[in-house]
Amino acid sequence: SALALLFKTVILTKLFYAAPLWLKDRLNDFNDFISRAKLKILGSQFHVAKTLTDLLTMIPPLEVSLEVLTIKFVLKGLNAKDAMCAKLLQIESEQKHPFYKHTASVKRYLIWNTRRQDDDIGGSSR
């Protein structure tokens, strides 16, 4: 719908600006706001099941969007200049850091992808 498109392009883009750095601490506040907005977009007067609301509005849950944004942030940082990449690699040793889980996930993915590509190269030359 037009309201959902407007909400995604205007509100969510502003909300997600630098979200990996600050949104996790304020997730509950914004979850309430997002659920009210989804109700308005649907034109509903009563709360519908959250999964159904997410599906009908095609707006993913805030937690999922934050995970995606954080992974993208970490990947961009790893592809950035040496200082940023070095800082992100230091996070590997700091298990209490907010990005620790994300850097570990990215590292596992990159290892898996490298192995898959090596297998594809080795399999195609046979």
N, C-alpha and C. Protein backbone atom coordinates (compact mmCIF):
# COMPACT_ATOMS: atom_id res chain seq x y z
N SER A 1 0.83 -1.19 0.00
CA SER A 1 0.00 0.00 0.00
C SER A 1 0.88 1.25 0.00
N ALA A 2 0.26 2.36 -0.29
CA ALA A 2 0.99 3.63 -0.35
C ALA A 2 1.51 4.03 1.03
N LEU A 3 0.72 3.76 2.07
CA LEU A 3 1.17 4.09 3.43
C LEU A 3 2.39 3.28 3.83
N ALA A 4 2.40 2.00 3.47
CA ALA A 4 3.55 1.14 3.80
C ALA A 4 4.80 1.63 3.08
N LEU A 5 4.65 1.99 1.82
CA LEU A 5 5.77 2.50 1.05
C LEU A 5 6.29 3.81 1.64
N LEU A 6 5.39 4.68 2.00
CA LEU A 6 5.76 5.96 2.62
C LEU A 6 6.47 5.73 3.95
N PHE A 7 5.94 4.81 4.75
CA PHE A 7 6.54 4.48 6.04
C PHE A 7 7.96 3.94 5.87
N LYS A 8 8.14 3.04 4.89
CA LYS A 8 9.46 2.45 4.66
C LYS A 8 10.46 3.49 4.17
N THR A 9 10.04 4.34 3.26
CA THR A 9 10.98 5.28 2.66
C THR A 9 11.28 6.50 3.51
N VAL A 10 10.33 6.95 4.28
CA VAL A 10 10.55 8.16 5.07
C VAL A 10 10.93 7.83 6.51
N ILE A 11 10.10 7.06 7.19
CA ILE A 11 10.30 6.82 8.62
C ILE A 11 11.44 5.83 8.87
N LEU A 12 11.40 4.67 8.22
CA LEU A 12 12.40 3.64 8.50
C LEU A 12 13.80 4.06 8.07
N THR A 13 13.93 4.81 7.00
CA THR A 13 15.27 5.26 6.61
C THR A 13 15.87 6.19 7.65
N LYS A 14 15.05 7.03 8.24
CA LYS A 14 15.53 7.92 9.31
C LYS A 14 15.84 7.12 10.57
N LEU A 15 14.98 6.18 10.89
CA LEU A 15 15.16 5.36 12.09
C LEU A 15 16.41 4.50 12.00
N PHE A 16 16.70 3.98 10.81
CA PHE A 16 17.81 3.06 10.65
C PHE A 16 19.16 3.74 10.44
N TYR A 17 19.19 5.07 10.41
CA TYR A 17 20.46 5.77 10.25
C TYR A 17 21.34 5.48 11.47
N ALA A 18 22.47 4.87 11.27
CA ALA A 18 23.42 4.49 12.33
C ALA A 18 22.77 3.58 13.37
N ALA A 19 21.75 2.86 12.99
CA ALA A 19 21.01 1.98 13.91
C ALA A 19 21.88 0.94 14.61
N PRO A 20 22.88 0.34 13.95
CA PRO A 20 23.68 -0.65 14.68
C PRO A 20 24.36 -0.09 15.92
N LEU A 21 24.55 1.21 15.96
CA LEU A 21 25.24 1.81 17.10
C LEU A 21 24.32 2.16 18.27
N TRP A 22 23.05 2.40 18.01
CA TRP A 22 22.21 2.91 19.09
C TRP A 22 20.87 2.20 19.27
N LEU A 23 20.35 1.54 18.26
CA LEU A 23 18.98 1.05 18.31
C LEU A 23 18.77 -0.12 19.27
N LYS A 24 19.78 -0.95 19.45
CA LYS A 24 19.62 -2.14 20.30
C LYS A 24 19.19 -1.77 21.72
N ASP A 25 19.70 -0.67 22.24
CA ASP A 25 19.36 -0.24 23.60
C ASP A 25 17.95 0.32 23.71
N ARG A 26 17.36 0.71 22.59
CA ARG A 26 16.03 1.34 22.59
C ARG A 26 15.00 0.55 21.79
N LEU A 27 15.23 -0.73 21.65
CA LEU A 27 14.38 -1.57 20.81
C LEU A 27 12.94 -1.61 21.30
N ASN A 28 12.72 -1.70 22.60
CA ASN A 28 11.35 -1.78 23.13
C ASN A 28 10.54 -0.52 22.83
N ASP A 29 11.18 0.64 22.94
CA ASP A 29 10.48 1.90 22.66
C ASP A 29 10.01 1.94 21.21
N PHE A 30 10.88 1.54 20.30
CA PHE A 30 10.55 1.62 18.89
C PHE A 30 9.66 0.47 18.42
N ASN A 31 9.70 -0.67 19.11
CA ASN A 31 8.80 -1.77 18.76
C ASN A 31 7.34 -1.34 18.93
N ASP A 32 7.07 -0.61 20.00
CA ASP A 32 5.71 -0.11 20.23
C ASP A 32 5.29 0.85 19.12
N PHE A 33 6.20 1.75 18.76
CA PHE A 33 5.92 2.70 17.69
C PHE A 33 5.66 1.98 16.36
N ILE A 34 6.50 1.00 16.04
CA ILE A 34 6.36 0.25 14.79
C ILE A 34 5.04 -0.51 14.76
N SER A 35 4.66 -1.14 15.87
CA SER A 35 3.40 -1.90 15.88
C SER A 35 2.19 -0.97 15.72
N ARG A 36 2.25 0.21 16.31
CA ARG A 36 1.15 1.18 16.11
C ARG A 36 1.09 1.65 14.66
N ALA A 37 2.25 1.86 14.07
CA ALA A 37 2.29 2.30 12.67
C ALA A 37 1.73 1.22 11.76
N LYS A 38 2.07 -0.04 12.04
CA LYS A 38 1.56 -1.14 11.23
C LYS A 38 0.04 -1.25 11.34
N LEU A 39 -0.49 -0.98 12.53
CA LEU A 39 -1.95 -0.98 12.70
C LEU A 39 -2.59 0.10 11.83
N LYS A 40 -1.99 1.27 11.81
CA LYS A 40 -2.52 2.37 11.00
C LYS A 40 -2.42 2.05 9.51
N ILE A 41 -1.30 1.44 9.11
CA ILE A 41 -1.12 1.09 7.70
C ILE A 41 -2.19 0.10 7.27
N LEU A 42 -2.50 -0.87 8.13
CA LEU A 42 -3.51 -1.88 7.81
C LEU A 42 -4.93 -1.34 7.94
N GLY A 43 -5.09 -0.24 8.65
CA GLY A 43 -6.42 0.30 8.89
C GLY A 43 -7.18 -0.50 9.93
N SER A 44 -6.45 -1.22 10.74
CA SER A 44 -7.05 -2.08 11.76
C SER A 44 -7.30 -1.31 13.05
N GLN A 45 -8.35 -1.69 13.74
CA GLN A 45 -8.64 -1.06 15.02
C GLN A 45 -8.16 -1.92 16.18
N PHE A 46 -7.97 -3.19 15.92
CA PHE A 46 -7.54 -4.12 16.95
C PHE A 46 -6.22 -4.75 16.56
N HIS A 47 -5.46 -5.15 17.55
CA HIS A 47 -4.18 -5.79 17.28
C HIS A 47 -4.38 -7.15 16.65
N VAL A 48 -3.68 -7.37 15.57
CA VAL A 48 -3.70 -8.64 14.85
C VAL A 48 -2.41 -9.37 15.25
N ALA A 49 -2.33 -10.66 15.02
CA ALA A 49 -1.11 -11.41 15.32
C ALA A 49 0.09 -10.73 14.65
N LYS A 50 1.18 -10.64 15.40
CA LYS A 50 2.35 -9.89 14.93
C LYS A 50 2.88 -10.45 13.60
N THR A 51 2.94 -11.76 13.47
CA THR A 51 3.47 -12.34 12.24
C THR A 51 2.57 -12.01 11.05
N LEU A 52 1.28 -11.99 11.28
CA LEU A 52 0.34 -11.64 10.22
C LEU A 52 0.49 -10.17 9.83
N THR A 53 0.65 -9.33 10.81
CA THR A 53 0.85 -7.89 10.55
C THR A 53 2.12 -7.67 9.75
N ASP A 54 3.19 -8.36 10.13
CA ASP A 54 4.46 -8.24 9.40
C ASP A 54 4.30 -8.68 7.96
N LEU A 55 3.58 -9.76 7.77
CA LEU A 55 3.38 -10.30 6.43
C LEU A 55 2.51 -9.38 5.57
N LEU A 56 1.44 -8.86 6.13
CA LEU A 56 0.53 -8.01 5.37
C LEU A 56 1.14 -6.66 5.00
N THR A 57 1.93 -6.10 5.91
CA THR A 57 2.55 -4.80 5.62
C THR A 57 3.86 -4.94 4.87
N MET A 58 4.40 -6.15 4.83
CA MET A 58 5.72 -6.43 4.22
C MET A 58 6.82 -5.60 4.86
N ILE A 59 6.68 -5.36 6.16
CA ILE A 59 7.70 -4.68 6.95
C ILE A 59 8.19 -5.70 7.97
N PRO A 60 9.46 -6.11 7.89
CA PRO A 60 9.96 -7.14 8.81
C PRO A 60 10.01 -6.62 10.25
N PRO A 61 10.06 -7.53 11.21
CA PRO A 61 10.20 -7.11 12.61
C PRO A 61 11.47 -6.27 12.80
N LEU A 62 11.43 -5.39 13.74
CA LEU A 62 12.54 -4.48 13.99
C LEU A 62 13.82 -5.23 14.33
N GLU A 63 13.70 -6.33 15.07
CA GLU A 63 14.87 -7.11 15.45
C GLU A 63 15.57 -7.69 14.21
N VAL A 64 14.79 -8.16 13.27
CA VAL A 64 15.34 -8.73 12.04
C VAL A 64 16.04 -7.64 11.23
N SER A 65 15.38 -6.51 11.10
CA SER A 65 15.98 -5.40 10.35
C SER A 65 17.28 -4.94 10.99
N LEU A 66 17.31 -4.90 12.32
CA LEU A 66 18.53 -4.49 13.02
C LEU A 66 19.66 -5.49 12.79
N GLU A 67 19.35 -6.78 12.82
CA GLU A 67 20.38 -7.79 12.55
C GLU A 67 20.96 -7.62 11.15
N VAL A 68 20.09 -7.43 10.16
CA VAL A 68 20.53 -7.26 8.78
C VAL A 68 21.41 -6.01 8.66
N LEU A 69 20.98 -4.92 9.26
CA LEU A 69 21.75 -3.67 9.19
C LEU A 69 23.11 -3.82 9.87
N THR A 70 23.15 -4.52 10.99
CA THR A 70 24.41 -4.68 11.71
C THR A 70 25.38 -5.55 10.93
N ILE A 71 24.89 -6.63 10.32
CA ILE A 71 25.75 -7.48 9.50
C ILE A 71 26.29 -6.68 8.31
N LYS A 72 25.44 -5.89 7.68
CA LYS A 72 25.90 -5.05 6.56
C LYS A 72 26.96 -4.05 7.03
N PHE A 73 26.75 -3.48 8.21
CA PHE A 73 27.70 -2.52 8.79
C PHE A 73 29.06 -3.19 9.01
N VAL A 74 29.05 -4.38 9.57
CA VAL A 74 30.30 -5.10 9.83
C VAL A 74 30.99 -5.45 8.52
N LEU A 75 30.23 -5.91 7.53
CA LEU A 75 30.83 -6.25 6.24
C LEU A 75 31.44 -5.03 5.56
N LYS A 76 30.76 -3.90 5.63
CA LYS A 76 31.32 -2.67 5.04
C LYS A 76 32.59 -2.27 5.77
N GLY A 77 32.57 -2.44 7.10
CA GLY A 77 33.76 -2.10 7.88
C GLY A 77 34.94 -2.99 7.55
N LEU A 78 34.68 -4.26 7.30
CA LEU A 78 35.76 -5.18 6.94
C LEU A 78 36.32 -4.89 5.56
N ASN A 79 35.52 -4.27 4.70
CA ASN A 79 35.99 -3.90 3.37
C ASN A 79 36.51 -2.48 3.30
N ALA A 80 36.54 -1.79 4.44
CA ALA A 80 36.95 -0.38 4.47
C ALA A 80 38.48 -0.28 4.60
N LYS A 81 38.92 0.91 4.92
CA LYS A 81 40.35 1.18 5.09
C LYS A 81 40.91 0.32 6.22
N ASP A 82 42.22 0.29 6.31
CA ASP A 82 42.90 -0.59 7.25
C ASP A 82 42.52 -0.35 8.71
N ALA A 83 42.36 0.91 9.11
CA ALA A 83 42.07 1.22 10.52
C ALA A 83 40.71 0.65 10.95
N MET A 84 39.71 0.81 10.12
CA MET A 84 38.38 0.30 10.44
C MET A 84 38.38 -1.22 10.46
N CYS A 85 39.02 -1.82 9.51
CA CYS A 85 39.10 -3.28 9.44
C CYS A 85 39.84 -3.82 10.66
N ALA A 86 40.93 -3.18 11.04
CA ALA A 86 41.69 -3.61 12.21
C ALA A 86 40.85 -3.51 13.48
N LYS A 87 40.08 -2.45 13.61
CA LYS A 87 39.22 -2.29 14.80
C LYS A 87 38.18 -3.41 14.87
N LEU A 88 37.57 -3.73 13.73
CA LEU A 88 36.58 -4.80 13.72
C LEU A 88 37.21 -6.14 14.03
N LEU A 89 38.43 -6.36 13.56
CA LEU A 89 39.11 -7.62 13.86
C LEU A 89 39.50 -7.71 15.33
N GLN A 90 39.71 -6.58 16.00
CA GLN A 90 40.00 -6.57 17.43
C GLN A 90 38.78 -7.02 18.24
N ILE A 91 37.60 -6.81 17.69
CA ILE A 91 36.36 -7.19 18.38
C ILE A 91 36.31 -8.69 18.63
N GLU A 92 37.00 -9.45 17.78
CA GLU A 92 37.01 -10.90 17.94
C GLU A 92 37.48 -11.33 19.32
N SER A 93 38.37 -10.57 19.92
CA SER A 93 38.89 -10.94 21.24
C SER A 93 38.06 -10.37 22.39
N GLU A 94 37.11 -9.49 22.09
CA GLU A 94 36.27 -8.87 23.13
C GLU A 94 34.86 -9.44 23.06
N GLN A 95 34.60 -10.50 23.80
CA GLN A 95 33.32 -11.19 23.71
C GLN A 95 32.15 -10.36 24.22
N LYS A 96 32.41 -9.33 25.01
CA LYS A 96 31.31 -8.50 25.53
C LYS A 96 30.96 -7.35 24.60
N HIS A 97 31.69 -7.20 23.52
CA HIS A 97 31.42 -6.11 22.58
C HIS A 97 30.10 -6.36 21.86
N PRO A 98 29.29 -5.30 21.62
CA PRO A 98 27.99 -5.48 20.95
C PRO A 98 28.07 -6.10 19.55
N PHE A 99 29.18 -5.95 18.86
CA PHE A 99 29.31 -6.49 17.51
C PHE A 99 30.03 -7.83 17.48
N TYR A 100 30.35 -8.40 18.63
CA TYR A 100 31.11 -9.66 18.67
C TYR A 100 30.37 -10.78 17.93
N LYS A 101 29.10 -10.95 18.23
CA LYS A 101 28.32 -12.02 17.60
C LYS A 101 28.25 -11.83 16.09
N HIS A 102 28.13 -10.59 15.66
CA HIS A 102 28.00 -10.30 14.23
C HIS A 102 29.32 -10.55 13.49
N THR A 103 30.44 -10.15 14.11
CA THR A 103 31.72 -10.40 13.45
C THR A 103 32.00 -11.89 13.37
N ALA A 104 31.61 -12.64 14.40
CA ALA A 104 31.79 -14.09 14.36
C ALA A 104 30.93 -14.70 13.25
N SER A 105 29.70 -14.22 13.09
CA SER A 105 28.82 -14.73 12.03
C SER A 105 29.39 -14.43 10.66
N VAL A 106 29.89 -13.21 10.48
CA VAL A 106 30.48 -12.83 9.20
C VAL A 106 31.71 -13.69 8.91
N LYS A 107 32.52 -13.91 9.93
CA LYS A 107 33.73 -14.72 9.74
C LYS A 107 33.36 -16.15 9.33
N ARG A 108 32.36 -16.74 10.00
CA ARG A 108 31.92 -18.09 9.63
C ARG A 108 31.40 -18.12 8.19
N TYR A 109 30.66 -17.10 7.81
CA TYR A 109 30.14 -17.03 6.45
C TYR A 109 31.28 -16.93 5.43
N LEU A 110 32.26 -16.06 5.70
CA LEU A 110 33.36 -15.88 4.76
C LEU A 110 34.18 -17.16 4.61
N ILE A 111 34.39 -17.87 5.71
CA ILE A 111 35.11 -19.15 5.66
C ILE A 111 34.32 -20.15 4.83
N TRP A 112 33.02 -20.24 5.10
CA TRP A 112 32.16 -21.17 4.35
C TRP A 112 32.17 -20.82 2.86
N ASN A 113 32.05 -19.54 2.54
CA ASN A 113 32.00 -19.11 1.15
C ASN A 113 33.32 -19.40 0.43
N THR A 114 34.44 -19.18 1.11
CA THR A 114 35.75 -19.46 0.51
C THR A 114 35.89 -20.95 0.22
N ARG A 115 35.48 -21.78 1.17
CA ARG A 115 35.56 -23.23 0.97
C ARG A 115 34.65 -23.66 -0.18
N ARG A 116 33.48 -23.09 -0.26
CA ARG A 116 32.54 -23.43 -1.33
C ARG A 116 33.13 -23.05 -2.69
N GLN A 117 33.73 -21.86 -2.76
CA GLN A 117 34.34 -21.43 -4.02
C GLN A 117 35.52 -22.32 -4.39
N ASP A 118 36.32 -22.71 -3.38
CA ASP A 118 37.44 -23.61 -3.64
C ASP A 118 36.95 -24.96 -4.16
N ASP A 119 35.85 -25.45 -3.59
CA ASP A 119 35.27 -26.71 -4.05
C ASP A 119 34.76 -26.58 -5.47
N ASP A 120 34.14 -25.44 -5.79
CA ASP A 120 33.63 -25.22 -7.14
C ASP A 120 34.78 -25.16 -8.15
N ILE A 121 35.86 -24.51 -7.78
CA ILE A 121 37.01 -24.40 -8.67
C ILE A 121 37.66 -25.78 -8.85
N GLY A 122 37.83 -26.50 -7.75
CA GLY A 122 38.44 -27.83 -7.81
C GLY A 122 37.57 -28.82 -8.55
N GLY A 123 36.23 -28.70 -8.39
CA GLY A 123 35.31 -29.61 -9.05
C GLY A 123 35.18 -29.33 -10.54
N SER A 124 35.34 -28.09 -10.95
CA SER A 124 35.17 -27.76 -12.37
C SER A 124 36.41 -28.09 -13.20
N SER A 125 37.57 -28.22 -12.54
CA SER A 125 38.79 -28.50 -13.30
C SER A 125 39.00 -30.01 -13.49
N ARG A 126 38.17 -30.82 -12.88
CA ARG A 126 38.33 -32.28 -12.99
C ARG A 126 37.87 -32.80 -14.30
